[in-house]
């Protein structure tokens, strides 16, 4: 597991806890599933996470505290970086 994945897992844990604390169980579980896959070195965790973003009813539509919104953005940015790195070989 690379340093970006390790950092992403840390961010996902913070995000999961924050979403759970605000009653966003669906998204907390989604984040948890993405993290579970990543911990198992399964790249589908990145794809699963990125599917949460965009479109109606996405994680982007949630009104979050500034700290949680930052974590949401950081998670997306890191996941995109990892996806691009893997895609480019």
Protein backbone atom coordinates (compact mmCIF):
# COMPACT_ATOMS: atom_id res chain seq x y z
CA UNK A 1 0.00 0.00 0.00
CA UNK A 2 1.44 3.33 -1.02
CA UNK A 3 1.58 6.55 0.99
CA UNK A 4 -1.36 8.11 -0.85
CA UNK A 5 -3.53 5.09 -0.11
CA UNK A 6 -2.48 5.20 3.54
CA UNK A 7 -3.37 8.89 3.70
CA UNK A 8 -6.68 8.23 1.95
CA UNK A 9 -7.57 5.51 4.46
CA UNK A 10 -6.92 7.93 7.31
CA UNK A 11 -9.15 10.55 5.71
CA UNK A 12 -11.86 7.99 5.01
CA UNK A 13 -11.90 6.93 8.66
CA UNK A 14 -12.35 10.53 9.81
CA UNK A 15 -15.04 11.07 7.20
CA UNK A 16 -16.82 7.84 8.13
CA UNK A 17 -16.90 8.78 11.81
CA UNK A 18 -18.14 12.30 11.03
CA UNK A 19 -20.86 11.07 8.69
CA UNK A 20 -22.01 8.51 11.22
CA UNK A 21 -22.11 11.15 13.96
CA UNK A 22 -24.37 13.35 11.82
CA UNK A 23 -26.78 10.51 11.02
CA UNK A 24 -25.58 9.96 7.47
CA UNK A 25 -25.55 6.17 7.86
CA UNK A 26 -25.82 5.40 4.15
CA UNK A 27 -22.73 7.44 3.30
CA UNK A 28 -20.87 6.29 6.38
CA UNK A 29 -21.38 2.69 5.27
CA UNK A 30 -20.41 3.55 1.69
CA UNK A 31 -17.13 5.08 2.91
CA UNK A 32 -16.56 2.08 5.17
CA UNK A 33 -16.97 -0.32 2.23
CA UNK A 34 -14.53 1.69 0.12
CA UNK A 35 -11.98 1.60 2.95
CA UNK A 36 -12.49 -2.14 3.49
CA UNK A 37 -11.67 -2.82 -0.15
CA UNK A 38 -8.62 -0.57 -0.07
CA UNK A 39 -7.29 -2.25 3.07
CA UNK A 40 -7.53 -5.54 1.17
CA UNK A 41 -5.44 -3.99 -1.65
CA UNK A 42 -8.50 -4.08 -3.90
CA UNK A 43 -8.45 -1.20 -6.40
CA UNK A 44 -12.24 -1.40 -6.67
CA UNK A 45 -12.23 0.58 -3.41
CA UNK A 46 -11.10 3.63 -5.40
CA UNK A 47 -13.77 3.07 -8.03
CA UNK A 48 -16.42 2.50 -5.35
CA UNK A 49 -15.44 5.69 -3.55
CA UNK A 50 -15.46 7.80 -6.71
CA UNK A 51 -18.96 6.55 -7.60
CA UNK A 52 -20.20 8.39 -4.50
CA UNK A 53 -19.38 11.73 -6.13
CA UNK A 54 -21.43 13.45 -8.81
CA UNK A 55 -25.01 13.15 -9.93
CA UNK A 56 -28.21 13.76 -8.03
CA UNK A 57 -28.27 12.41 -4.51
CA UNK A 58 -24.50 12.07 -4.35
CA UNK A 59 -22.28 12.67 -1.37
CA UNK A 60 -21.60 16.10 -2.88
CA UNK A 61 -25.21 17.07 -2.20
CA UNK A 62 -24.81 16.74 1.57
CA UNK A 63 -24.67 19.91 3.60
CA UNK A 64 -21.68 19.25 5.85
CA UNK A 65 -19.65 21.14 8.39
CA UNK A 66 -16.56 22.82 6.93
CA UNK A 67 -14.31 20.11 8.41
CA UNK A 68 -16.35 17.27 6.92
CA UNK A 69 -16.65 19.08 3.59
CA UNK A 70 -12.85 19.41 3.51
CA UNK A 71 -12.45 15.69 4.24
CA UNK A 72 -14.94 14.87 1.48
CA UNK A 73 -12.95 16.97 -0.97
CA UNK A 74 -9.60 15.61 0.19
CA UNK A 75 -10.85 12.04 -0.19
CA UNK A 76 -12.02 12.73 -3.74
CA UNK A 77 -8.78 14.44 -4.73
CA UNK A 78 -6.61 11.64 -3.37
CA UNK A 79 -8.77 8.93 -4.94
CA UNK A 80 -8.53 10.70 -8.31
CA UNK A 81 -4.75 10.98 -7.95
CA UNK A 82 -4.49 7.27 -7.18
CA UNK A 83 -6.81 6.34 -10.06
CA UNK A 84 -4.76 8.43 -12.50
CA UNK A 85 -1.50 6.98 -11.20
CA UNK A 86 -2.76 3.41 -11.64
CA UNK A 87 -4.25 4.18 -15.07
CA UNK A 88 -1.00 5.65 -16.36
CA UNK A 89 0.88 2.53 -15.37
